[in-house]
Amino acid sequence: MAKDYSIKIDIDERLPAERALKKFKRFCEAYGVIREYRKRQEYKKPSIRNKEKLAAAAKRRKKTAVKFNRGSKF
């Protein structure tokens, strides 16, 4: 299930190298290359990945609840 990342940046004489590099980084971010790289840096067991996912969801729910409760005066 490997994705094909074919990012091509055309560099001409008028385009500065810094700008081309910035454009390349933007493309990498849009294609999700960096996210995929970080995900594959270390192997996590599916059970651990699931626990982390559930913990993140609980944290989001708690944050949303606090945000809604902050506005009420009751």
Protein backbone atom coordinates (compact mmCIF):
# COMPACT_ATOMS: atom_id res chain seq x y z
CA MET A 1 0.00 0.00 0.00
CA ALA A 2 2.84 2.34 -0.84
CA LYS A 3 1.89 5.75 -2.13
CA ASP A 4 3.63 7.17 -5.13
CA TYR A 5 5.01 10.58 -4.26
CA SER A 6 6.14 12.19 -7.47
CA ILE A 7 6.70 15.81 -6.57
CA LYS A 8 8.27 17.77 -9.36
CA ILE A 9 9.29 21.41 -9.12
CA ASP A 10 10.41 23.17 -12.28
CA ILE A 11 13.25 25.56 -11.54
CA ASP A 12 14.11 28.22 -14.06
CA GLU A 13 16.68 31.00 -14.08
CA ARG A 14 14.28 33.66 -12.80
CA LEU A 15 13.04 31.67 -9.77
CA PRO A 16 15.31 31.97 -6.72
CA ALA A 17 16.42 28.74 -5.05
CA GLU A 18 14.87 29.72 -1.69
CA ARG A 19 11.49 30.16 -3.34
CA ALA A 20 11.73 26.80 -5.09
CA LEU A 21 12.64 25.14 -1.79
CA LYS A 22 9.66 26.77 -0.11
CA LYS A 23 7.42 25.53 -2.92
CA PHE A 24 8.85 22.01 -2.53
CA LYS A 25 8.17 22.01 1.21
CA ARG A 26 4.60 23.16 0.59
CA PHE A 27 4.05 20.32 -1.89
CA CYS A 28 5.49 17.80 0.57
CA GLU A 29 3.11 19.02 3.25
CA ALA A 30 0.13 18.90 0.87
CA TYR A 31 0.91 15.33 -0.23
CA GLY A 32 1.41 14.21 3.41
CA VAL A 33 5.00 13.04 2.91
CA ILE A 34 6.21 14.39 6.25
CA ARG A 35 3.24 12.93 8.14
CA GLU A 36 3.87 9.52 6.57
CA TYR A 37 7.59 9.73 7.39
CA ARG A 38 6.93 10.51 11.05
CA LYS A 39 4.36 7.71 11.22
CA ARG A 40 6.87 5.18 9.89
CA GLN A 41 9.79 6.31 12.04
CA GLU A 42 8.91 3.81 14.75
CA TYR A 43 6.61 0.82 14.81
CA LYS A 44 3.72 0.88 17.24
CA LYS A 45 1.60 -2.14 17.98
CA PRO A 46 -2.00 -1.77 16.86
CA SER A 47 -3.21 -2.03 20.46
CA ILE A 48 -0.97 0.86 21.54
CA ARG A 49 -2.03 2.91 18.52
CA ASN A 50 -5.67 2.28 19.44
CA LYS A 51 -5.10 3.32 23.08
CA GLU A 52 -3.44 6.55 21.95
CA LYS A 53 -6.31 7.23 19.57
CA LEU A 54 -8.90 6.71 22.34
CA ALA A 55 -6.92 8.93 24.73
CA ALA A 56 -6.74 11.71 22.12
CA ALA A 57 -10.50 11.45 21.52
CA ALA A 58 -11.18 11.67 25.28
CA LYS A 59 -8.94 14.72 25.51
CA ARG A 60 -10.79 16.39 22.63
CA ARG A 61 -14.17 15.63 24.24
CA LYS A 62 -13.00 17.04 27.58
CA LYS A 63 -11.67 20.18 25.91
CA THR A 64 -14.95 20.71 24.05
CA ALA A 65 -16.98 20.18 27.22
CA VAL A 66 -14.88 22.72 29.12
CA LYS A 67 -15.26 25.20 26.27
CA PHE A 68 -19.08 24.87 26.29
CA ASN A 69 -19.35 24.96 30.10
CA ARG A 70 -17.24 28.09 30.34
CA GLY A 71 -19.93 30.20 28.66
CA SER A 72 -22.85 29.18 30.90
CA LYS A 73 -23.50 30.92 34.22
CA PHE A 74 -25.65 28.15 35.76
